[in-house]
Amino acid sequence: MRRQLLVVVGAVAALALGAAPAALARAGDRTLTDTYPVATALCVKAHANTLPPRLGPQVTAVITACNKLYNGFPPLVTAVDGAESSYLQTVADQKTLVAAACAKPVTNRPACIAARTNAHGTITAAHLNEVAAISTFHAGVETNRTTFWSTIQTLRGSSTSTKTSSS
């Protein structure tokens, strides 16, 4: 009974992860269109001059907001990619140093222990740097999204058409 339960739980977990590949996405892996699907669809409409009626008179301002959204994304991806690359390089370098200090048979045990301790500290620091970059990436994505939609909301309320008053 217990084995069947474990198999069922494992199958459900695998199915859930398989059905949601975005849940496994690394920060910076998704494209601009994947990250801001509704915003980029609106930007495509702005460039095609097919905006909804309330935004129609504001095409230039919508395109400006789109450009800010487009220009804000690549630096975020570059920063998170750089942090990941730095982390992976640090791990590789530290593994090489530990392998050299701890070659079998170990002749200098204190040097081996010191190399492992140093590697652990260095890798931990690089990992914390990567985690901070990922956090900055997510915060930047949300800031860009909020700024874009706040601008669009403001533009929807400020139609350039004027109403005539009847006396």
N, C-alpha and C. Protein backbone atom coordinates (compact mmCIF):
# COMPACT_ATOMS: atom_id res chain seq x y z
N MET A 1 0.82 -1.20 0.00
CA MET A 1 0.00 0.00 0.00
C MET A 1 0.86 1.26 0.00
N ARG A 2 1.89 1.26 0.84
CA ARG A 2 2.76 2.42 0.95
C ARG A 2 3.51 2.65 -0.37
N ARG A 3 3.93 1.59 -1.00
CA ARG A 3 4.67 1.70 -2.26
C ARG A 3 3.77 2.30 -3.34
N GLN A 4 2.51 1.85 -3.38
CA GLN A 4 1.57 2.39 -4.37
C GLN A 4 1.33 3.87 -4.14
N LEU A 5 1.24 4.26 -2.88
CA LEU A 5 1.04 5.67 -2.55
C LEU A 5 2.22 6.50 -3.03
N LEU A 6 3.44 6.00 -2.81
CA LEU A 6 4.63 6.73 -3.26
C LEU A 6 4.67 6.84 -4.78
N VAL A 7 4.28 5.78 -5.46
CA VAL A 7 4.26 5.81 -6.92
C VAL A 7 3.24 6.83 -7.41
N VAL A 8 2.07 6.85 -6.79
CA VAL A 8 1.02 7.81 -7.19
C VAL A 8 1.48 9.24 -6.93
N VAL A 9 2.05 9.48 -5.76
CA VAL A 9 2.53 10.83 -5.44
C VAL A 9 3.62 11.25 -6.41
N GLY A 10 4.54 10.33 -6.72
CA GLY A 10 5.60 10.64 -7.68
C GLY A 10 5.05 10.94 -9.05
N ALA A 11 4.06 10.17 -9.48
CA ALA A 11 3.45 10.40 -10.80
C ALA A 11 2.74 11.74 -10.85
N VAL A 12 2.04 12.09 -9.80
CA VAL A 12 1.33 13.37 -9.74
C VAL A 12 2.34 14.53 -9.77
N ALA A 13 3.40 14.40 -9.01
CA ALA A 13 4.43 15.45 -9.00
C ALA A 13 5.07 15.60 -10.37
N ALA A 14 5.39 14.49 -11.01
CA ALA A 14 6.00 14.55 -12.34
C ALA A 14 5.05 15.16 -13.35
N LEU A 15 3.78 14.81 -13.25
CA LEU A 15 2.78 15.38 -14.15
C LEU A 15 2.62 16.88 -13.94
N ALA A 16 2.61 17.29 -12.69
CA ALA A 16 2.47 18.72 -12.38
C ALA A 16 3.66 19.52 -12.90
N LEU A 17 4.85 18.99 -12.72
CA LEU A 17 6.04 19.69 -13.22
C LEU A 17 6.11 19.66 -14.74
N GLY A 18 5.66 18.58 -15.33
CA GLY A 18 5.66 18.50 -16.79
C GLY A 18 4.63 19.42 -17.41
N ALA A 19 3.54 19.64 -16.70
CA ALA A 19 2.48 20.51 -17.21
C ALA A 19 2.81 21.98 -17.03
N ALA A 20 3.74 22.28 -16.15
CA ALA A 20 4.08 23.68 -15.87
C ALA A 20 5.58 23.91 -16.07
N PRO A 21 6.05 23.94 -17.33
CA PRO A 21 7.48 24.14 -17.54
C PRO A 21 7.96 25.52 -17.10
N ALA A 22 7.05 26.49 -17.06
CA ALA A 22 7.45 27.82 -16.61
C ALA A 22 7.85 27.81 -15.14
N ALA A 23 7.35 26.83 -14.38
CA ALA A 23 7.71 26.73 -12.98
C ALA A 23 9.18 26.37 -12.82
N LEU A 24 9.76 25.75 -13.83
CA LEU A 24 11.16 25.37 -13.78
C LEU A 24 12.06 26.37 -14.49
N ALA A 25 11.49 27.43 -15.03
CA ALA A 25 12.27 28.40 -15.79
C ALA A 25 13.25 29.14 -14.88
N ARG A 26 14.44 29.33 -15.38
CA ARG A 26 15.47 30.08 -14.69
C ARG A 26 15.26 31.56 -14.97
N ALA A 27 15.58 32.39 -14.00
CA ALA A 27 15.46 33.83 -14.20
C ALA A 27 16.27 34.23 -15.42
N GLY A 28 15.65 34.93 -16.34
CA GLY A 28 16.33 35.38 -17.54
C GLY A 28 16.17 34.45 -18.73
N ASP A 29 15.58 33.27 -18.54
CA ASP A 29 15.39 32.33 -19.66
C ASP A 29 14.23 32.72 -20.56
N ARG A 30 13.22 33.34 -19.99
CA ARG A 30 12.04 33.69 -20.77
C ARG A 30 12.30 34.94 -21.60
N THR A 31 11.67 35.00 -22.76
CA THR A 31 11.84 36.16 -23.63
C THR A 31 10.99 37.32 -23.12
N LEU A 32 11.16 38.46 -23.72
CA LEU A 32 10.37 39.63 -23.37
C LEU A 32 8.88 39.34 -23.58
N THR A 33 8.55 38.70 -24.69
CA THR A 33 7.16 38.37 -24.98
C THR A 33 6.59 37.38 -23.98
N ASP A 34 7.39 36.44 -23.54
CA ASP A 34 6.93 35.48 -22.52
C ASP A 34 6.78 36.14 -21.16
N THR A 35 7.63 37.11 -20.88
CA THR A 35 7.60 37.76 -19.58
C THR A 35 6.45 38.76 -19.48
N TYR A 36 6.21 39.50 -20.55
CA TYR A 36 5.14 40.51 -20.58
C TYR A 36 4.18 40.22 -21.74
N PRO A 37 3.42 39.13 -21.71
CA PRO A 37 2.62 38.76 -22.88
C PRO A 37 1.54 39.78 -23.25
N VAL A 38 0.82 40.28 -22.29
CA VAL A 38 -0.27 41.22 -22.59
C VAL A 38 0.29 42.57 -23.01
N ALA A 39 1.33 43.00 -22.34
CA ALA A 39 1.95 44.29 -22.67
C ALA A 39 2.53 44.27 -24.08
N THR A 40 3.23 43.20 -24.44
CA THR A 40 3.81 43.15 -25.78
C THR A 40 2.72 43.05 -26.85
N ALA A 41 1.61 42.39 -26.53
CA ALA A 41 0.50 42.35 -27.50
C ALA A 41 -0.06 43.75 -27.72
N LEU A 42 -0.16 44.52 -26.65
CA LEU A 42 -0.62 45.91 -26.78
C LEU A 42 0.39 46.74 -27.58
N CYS A 43 1.65 46.48 -27.37
CA CYS A 43 2.69 47.22 -28.11
C CYS A 43 2.64 46.88 -29.61
N VAL A 44 2.38 45.63 -29.93
CA VAL A 44 2.24 45.24 -31.34
C VAL A 44 1.07 46.00 -31.96
N LYS A 45 -0.03 46.11 -31.23
CA LYS A 45 -1.19 46.86 -31.72
C LYS A 45 -0.85 48.34 -31.89
N ALA A 46 -0.04 48.88 -30.97
CA ALA A 46 0.35 50.29 -31.08
C ALA A 46 1.18 50.52 -32.33
N HIS A 47 2.10 49.62 -32.59
CA HIS A 47 2.95 49.78 -33.79
C HIS A 47 2.15 49.57 -35.07
N ALA A 48 1.08 48.76 -34.99
CA ALA A 48 0.23 48.54 -36.16
C ALA A 48 -0.89 49.58 -36.25
N ASN A 49 -0.92 50.48 -35.27
CA ASN A 49 -1.93 51.55 -35.20
C ASN A 49 -3.35 50.97 -35.12
N THR A 50 -3.50 49.91 -34.33
CA THR A 50 -4.81 49.28 -34.13
C THR A 50 -5.15 49.21 -32.65
N LEU A 51 -4.86 50.26 -31.93
CA LEU A 51 -5.14 50.31 -30.49
C LEU A 51 -6.63 50.38 -30.22
N PRO A 52 -7.05 49.97 -29.03
CA PRO A 52 -8.46 50.14 -28.65
C PRO A 52 -8.84 51.62 -28.67
N PRO A 53 -10.13 51.92 -28.81
CA PRO A 53 -10.57 53.31 -28.97
C PRO A 53 -10.09 54.28 -27.89
N ARG A 54 -10.06 53.85 -26.64
CA ARG A 54 -9.65 54.76 -25.57
C ARG A 54 -8.16 55.10 -25.62
N LEU A 55 -7.37 54.25 -26.27
CA LEU A 55 -5.94 54.52 -26.39
C LEU A 55 -5.57 55.00 -27.79
N GLY A 56 -6.48 54.96 -28.72
CA GLY A 56 -6.22 55.34 -30.10
C GLY A 56 -5.52 56.68 -30.27
N PRO A 57 -6.01 57.73 -29.60
CA PRO A 57 -5.36 59.03 -29.76
C PRO A 57 -3.98 59.12 -29.10
N GLN A 58 -3.63 58.13 -28.33
CA GLN A 58 -2.37 58.18 -27.57
C GLN A 58 -1.29 57.24 -28.12
N VAL A 59 -1.30 56.98 -29.40
CA VAL A 59 -0.38 56.00 -30.01
C VAL A 59 1.07 56.30 -29.68
N THR A 60 1.47 57.54 -29.82
CA THR A 60 2.87 57.91 -29.58
C THR A 60 3.26 57.65 -28.13
N ALA A 61 2.39 58.00 -27.20
CA ALA A 61 2.69 57.78 -25.79
C ALA A 61 2.74 56.29 -25.46
N VAL A 62 1.87 55.50 -26.07
CA VAL A 62 1.89 54.04 -25.84
C VAL A 62 3.20 53.46 -26.39
N ILE A 63 3.61 53.89 -27.56
CA ILE A 63 4.87 53.40 -28.14
C ILE A 63 6.05 53.80 -27.26
N THR A 64 6.01 54.98 -26.68
CA THR A 64 7.07 55.41 -25.76
C THR A 64 7.11 54.51 -24.53
N ALA A 65 5.94 54.18 -23.99
CA ALA A 65 5.88 53.27 -22.84
C ALA A 65 6.40 51.89 -23.22
N CYS A 66 6.07 51.45 -24.42
CA CYS A 66 6.57 50.15 -24.92
C CYS A 66 8.09 50.15 -25.03
N ASN A 67 8.63 51.24 -25.54
CA ASN A 67 10.08 51.34 -25.68
C ASN A 67 10.77 51.28 -24.32
N LYS A 68 10.17 51.92 -23.31
CA LYS A 68 10.74 51.85 -21.96
C LYS A 68 10.70 50.41 -21.45
N LEU A 69 9.62 49.71 -21.71
CA LEU A 69 9.50 48.32 -21.29
C LEU A 69 10.54 47.46 -22.01
N TYR A 70 10.66 47.65 -23.32
CA TYR A 70 11.62 46.89 -24.12
C TYR A 70 13.06 47.16 -23.68
N ASN A 71 13.38 48.41 -23.41
CA ASN A 71 14.75 48.79 -23.06
C ASN A 71 15.12 48.40 -21.63
N GLY A 72 14.13 48.21 -20.77
CA GLY A 72 14.43 47.86 -19.38
C GLY A 72 14.70 46.38 -19.16
N PHE A 73 14.32 45.55 -20.10
CA PHE A 73 14.44 44.10 -19.91
C PHE A 73 15.85 43.53 -20.15
N PRO A 74 16.53 43.87 -21.25
CA PRO A 74 17.85 43.26 -21.51
C PRO A 74 18.89 43.47 -20.39
N PRO A 75 18.97 44.64 -19.76
CA PRO A 75 19.95 44.77 -18.67
C PRO A 75 19.67 43.83 -17.50
N LEU A 76 18.39 43.56 -17.23
CA LEU A 76 18.04 42.63 -16.15
C LEU A 76 18.52 41.22 -16.49
N VAL A 77 18.31 40.81 -17.74
CA VAL A 77 18.73 39.48 -18.18
C VAL A 77 20.25 39.39 -18.16
N THR A 78 20.92 40.42 -18.62
CA THR A 78 22.38 40.42 -18.64
C THR A 78 22.95 40.29 -17.24
N ALA A 79 22.37 41.00 -16.29
CA ALA A 79 22.86 40.95 -14.91
C ALA A 79 22.69 39.56 -14.30
N VAL A 80 21.53 38.96 -14.50
CA VAL A 80 21.30 37.64 -13.91
C VAL A 80 22.13 36.58 -14.63
N ASP A 81 22.32 36.70 -15.93
CA ASP A 81 23.17 35.77 -16.66
C ASP A 81 24.63 35.89 -16.21
N GLY A 82 25.07 37.12 -15.98
CA GLY A 82 26.44 37.34 -15.49
C GLY A 82 26.66 36.74 -14.12
N ALA A 83 25.68 36.88 -13.24
CA ALA A 83 25.80 36.32 -11.89
C ALA A 83 25.83 34.79 -11.95
N GLU A 84 25.01 34.20 -12.81
CA GLU A 84 25.00 32.74 -12.92
C GLU A 84 26.33 32.25 -13.50
N SER A 85 26.82 32.94 -14.51
CA SER A 85 28.09 32.56 -15.12
C SER A 85 29.23 32.65 -14.11
N SER A 86 29.21 33.71 -13.32
CA SER A 86 30.24 33.89 -12.29
C SER A 86 30.16 32.77 -11.25
N TYR A 87 28.95 32.42 -10.85
CA TYR A 87 28.77 31.34 -9.88
C TYR A 87 29.30 30.01 -10.43
N LEU A 88 28.93 29.69 -11.66
CA LEU A 88 29.38 28.42 -12.25
C LEU A 88 30.89 28.37 -12.41
N GLN A 89 31.49 29.51 -12.76
CA GLN A 89 32.95 29.57 -12.90
C GLN A 89 33.61 29.41 -11.54
N THR A 90 33.03 30.02 -10.51
CA THR A 90 33.58 29.89 -9.16
C THR A 90 33.53 28.45 -8.69
N VAL A 91 32.41 27.77 -8.93
CA VAL A 91 32.28 26.36 -8.55
C VAL A 91 33.34 25.52 -9.27
N ALA A 92 33.50 25.74 -10.55
CA ALA A 92 34.49 24.97 -11.32
C ALA A 92 35.91 25.22 -10.80
N ASP A 93 36.23 26.49 -10.53
CA ASP A 93 37.57 26.83 -10.03
C ASP A 93 37.82 26.19 -8.67
N GLN A 94 36.83 26.25 -7.79
CA GLN A 94 37.02 25.70 -6.45
C GLN A 94 37.12 24.19 -6.47
N LYS A 95 36.36 23.55 -7.34
CA LYS A 95 36.48 22.08 -7.47
C LYS A 95 37.88 21.69 -7.93
N THR A 96 38.44 22.47 -8.84
CA THR A 96 39.79 22.20 -9.33
C THR A 96 40.81 22.36 -8.21
N LEU A 97 40.66 23.42 -7.41
CA LEU A 97 41.60 23.65 -6.30
C LEU A 97 41.49 22.55 -5.25
N VAL A 98 40.28 22.13 -4.93
CA VAL A 98 40.10 21.06 -3.94
C VAL A 98 40.66 19.75 -4.49
N ALA A 99 40.42 19.48 -5.76
CA ALA A 99 40.96 18.25 -6.35
C ALA A 99 42.48 18.23 -6.31
N ALA A 100 43.09 19.38 -6.52
CA ALA A 100 44.55 19.45 -6.48
C ALA A 100 45.08 19.27 -5.06
N ALA A 101 44.41 19.87 -4.09
CA ALA A 101 44.88 19.79 -2.70
C ALA A 101 44.56 18.45 -2.06
N CYS A 102 43.52 17.79 -2.57
CA CYS A 102 43.06 16.54 -1.95
C CYS A 102 43.27 15.33 -2.86
N ALA A 103 44.30 15.36 -3.69
CA ALA A 103 44.56 14.24 -4.61
C ALA A 103 44.85 12.98 -3.80
N LYS A 104 44.31 11.85 -4.27
CA LYS A 104 44.50 10.56 -3.58
C LYS A 104 45.88 10.01 -3.89
N PRO A 105 46.58 9.51 -3.01
CA PRO A 105 46.35 9.54 -1.57
C PRO A 105 46.66 10.92 -1.02
N VAL A 106 45.89 11.36 -0.05
CA VAL A 106 46.07 12.69 0.54
C VAL A 106 47.34 12.67 1.38
N THR A 107 48.27 13.54 0.99
CA THR A 107 49.54 13.60 1.71
C THR A 107 49.57 14.72 2.72
N ASN A 108 48.78 15.76 2.49
CA ASN A 108 48.75 16.90 3.41
C ASN A 108 47.30 17.15 3.82
N ARG A 109 46.88 16.45 4.86
CA ARG A 109 45.48 16.51 5.28
C ARG A 109 45.04 17.92 5.69
N PRO A 110 45.83 18.68 6.46
CA PRO A 110 45.41 20.04 6.83
C PRO A 110 45.20 20.95 5.60
N ALA A 111 46.04 20.80 4.58
CA ALA A 111 45.88 21.60 3.36
C ALA A 111 44.60 21.21 2.63
N CYS A 112 44.27 19.94 2.64
CA CYS A 112 43.04 19.47 2.00
C CYS A 112 41.82 20.04 2.73
N ILE A 113 41.84 19.97 4.04
CA ILE A 113 40.72 20.50 4.83
C ILE A 113 40.60 22.00 4.62
N ALA A 114 41.71 22.71 4.58
CA ALA A 114 41.69 24.15 4.36
C ALA A 114 41.14 24.49 2.97
N ALA A 115 41.50 23.69 1.97
CA ALA A 115 40.99 23.92 0.60
C ALA A 115 39.49 23.71 0.54
N ARG A 116 39.01 22.67 1.21
CA ARG A 116 37.56 22.41 1.23
C ARG A 116 36.81 23.51 1.97
N THR A 117 37.36 23.95 3.08
CA THR A 117 36.72 25.02 3.86
C THR A 117 36.69 26.31 3.05
N ASN A 118 37.80 26.63 2.40
CA ASN A 118 37.87 27.83 1.57
C ASN A 118 36.89 27.74 0.40
N ALA A 119 36.82 26.57 -0.22
CA ALA A 119 35.92 26.36 -1.36
C ALA A 119 34.47 26.56 -0.92
N HIS A 120 34.13 26.00 0.23
CA HIS A 120 32.75 26.14 0.72
C HIS A 120 32.39 27.61 0.92
N GLY A 121 33.27 28.36 1.55
CA GLY A 121 33.01 29.78 1.78
C GLY A 121 32.92 30.58 0.49
N THR A 122 33.81 30.30 -0.44
CA THR A 122 33.82 31.02 -1.71
C THR A 122 32.58 30.70 -2.54
N ILE A 123 32.21 29.42 -2.58
CA ILE A 123 31.02 29.02 -3.34
C ILE A 123 29.76 29.60 -2.70
N THR A 124 29.70 29.61 -1.39
CA THR A 124 28.55 30.19 -0.69
C THR A 124 28.40 31.67 -1.03
N ALA A 125 29.51 32.40 -1.02
CA ALA A 125 29.46 33.83 -1.34
C ALA A 125 29.01 34.05 -2.79
N ALA A 126 29.50 33.23 -3.71
CA ALA A 126 29.09 33.35 -5.11
C ALA A 126 27.61 33.01 -5.27
N HIS A 127 27.14 32.02 -4.52
CA HIS A 127 25.72 31.65 -4.58
C HIS A 127 24.84 32.78 -4.04
N LEU A 128 25.26 33.39 -2.96
CA LEU A 128 24.49 34.52 -2.42
C LEU A 128 24.44 35.68 -3.40
N ASN A 129 25.53 35.89 -4.13
CA ASN A 129 25.55 36.92 -5.16
C ASN A 129 24.57 36.58 -6.28
N GLU A 130 24.51 35.31 -6.66
CA GLU A 130 23.57 34.89 -7.70
C GLU A 130 22.13 35.05 -7.22
N VAL A 131 21.86 34.68 -5.99
CA VAL A 131 20.51 34.81 -5.43
C VAL A 131 20.09 36.28 -5.38
N ALA A 132 21.02 37.16 -5.03
CA ALA A 132 20.72 38.59 -5.01
C ALA A 132 20.42 39.10 -6.42
N ALA A 133 21.15 38.62 -7.41
CA ALA A 133 20.91 39.03 -8.80
C ALA A 133 19.54 38.54 -9.27
N ILE A 134 19.16 37.33 -8.88
CA ILE A 134 17.85 36.80 -9.26
C ILE A 134 16.75 37.62 -8.61
N SER A 135 16.94 37.98 -7.36
CA SER A 135 15.95 38.81 -6.66
C SER A 135 15.83 40.18 -7.32
N THR A 136 16.96 40.76 -7.70
CA THR A 136 16.95 42.05 -8.39
C THR A 136 16.26 41.92 -9.74
N PHE A 137 16.48 40.81 -10.43
CA PHE A 137 15.83 40.56 -11.72
C PHE A 137 14.31 40.56 -11.55
N HIS A 138 13.82 39.78 -10.60
CA HIS A 138 12.37 39.69 -10.40
C HIS A 138 11.78 41.04 -9.97
N ALA A 139 12.48 41.74 -9.11
CA ALA A 139 12.00 43.06 -8.69
C ALA A 139 11.97 44.03 -9.87
N GLY A 140 12.99 43.97 -10.72
CA GLY A 140 13.04 44.83 -11.90
C GLY A 140 11.93 44.52 -12.89
N VAL A 141 11.65 43.24 -13.08
CA VAL A 141 10.57 42.84 -13.99
C VAL A 141 9.24 43.39 -13.48
N GLU A 142 9.00 43.24 -12.19
CA GLU A 142 7.74 43.74 -11.63
C GLU A 142 7.67 45.27 -11.66
N THR A 143 8.78 45.94 -11.43
CA THR A 143 8.80 47.40 -11.50
C THR A 143 8.50 47.86 -12.92
N ASN A 144 9.13 47.22 -13.91
CA ASN A 144 8.86 47.58 -15.30
C ASN A 144 7.40 47.35 -15.66
N ARG A 145 6.85 46.22 -15.20
CA ARG A 145 5.45 45.90 -15.49
C ARG A 145 4.52 46.94 -14.85
N THR A 146 4.76 47.26 -13.61
CA THR A 146 3.92 48.23 -12.89
C THR A 146 4.01 49.60 -13.54
N THR A 147 5.21 50.02 -13.90
CA THR A 147 5.39 51.32 -14.54
C THR A 147 4.66 51.37 -15.88
N PHE A 148 4.80 50.31 -16.67
CA PHE A 148 4.14 50.27 -17.98
C PHE A 148 2.62 50.39 -17.82
N TRP A 149 2.04 49.55 -16.96
CA TRP A 149 0.58 49.54 -16.84
C TRP A 149 0.05 50.80 -16.15
N SER A 150 0.83 51.39 -15.29
CA SER A 150 0.42 52.68 -14.71
C SER A 150 0.36 53.75 -15.78
N THR A 151 1.34 53.75 -16.67
CA THR A 151 1.36 54.69 -17.78
C THR A 151 0.16 54.47 -18.69
N ILE A 152 -0.12 53.22 -19.02
CA ILE A 152 -1.26 52.91 -19.90
C ILE A 152 -2.57 53.32 -19.23
N GLN A 153 -2.69 53.06 -17.93
CA GLN A 153 -3.91 53.44 -17.21
C GLN A 153 -4.10 54.95 -17.23
N THR A 154 -3.02 55.68 -17.07
CA THR A 154 -3.09 57.14 -17.12
C THR A 154 -3.50 57.61 -18.51
N LEU A 155 -2.97 56.97 -19.54
CA LEU A 155 -3.31 57.35 -20.91
C LEU A 155 -4.76 57.04 -21.23
N ARG A 156 -5.31 55.96 -20.68
CA ARG A 156 -6.72 55.64 -20.92
C ARG A 156 -7.62 56.73 -20.36
N GLY A 157 -7.22 57.32 -19.25
CA GLY A 157 -8.04 58.35 -18.62
C GLY A 157 -7.87 59.72 -19.24
N SER A 158 -6.80 59.91 -20.01
CA SER A 158 -6.55 61.25 -20.57
C SER A 158 -6.73 61.24 -22.07
N SER A 159 -7.95 61.02 -22.51
CA SER A 159 -8.26 61.03 -23.94
C SER A 159 -8.11 62.45 -24.47
N THR A 160 -7.58 62.57 -25.67
CA THR A 160 -7.38 63.90 -26.24
C THR A 160 -8.65 64.47 -26.87
N SER A 161 -9.68 63.64 -26.99
CA SER A 161 -10.92 64.16 -27.58
C SER A 161 -11.64 65.00 -26.53
N THR A 162 -12.23 66.09 -26.96
CA THR A 162 -12.92 66.99 -26.03
C THR A 162 -14.43 66.85 -26.24
N LYS A 163 -15.16 66.92 -25.15
CA LYS A 163 -16.60 66.85 -25.22
C LYS A 163 -17.16 68.26 -25.36
N THR A 164 -18.19 68.36 -26.14
CA THR A 164 -18.83 69.67 -26.28
C THR A 164 -19.95 69.78 -25.27
N SER A 165 -20.07 70.92 -24.68
CA SER A 165 -21.14 71.10 -23.68
C SER A 165 -22.31 71.82 -24.34
N SER A 166 -23.49 71.40 -24.01
CA SER A 166 -24.68 72.04 -24.57
C SER A 166 -25.26 72.95 -23.50
N SER A 167 -25.68 74.16 -23.92
CA SER A 167 -26.20 75.10 -22.95
C SER A 167 -27.68 75.18 -22.98
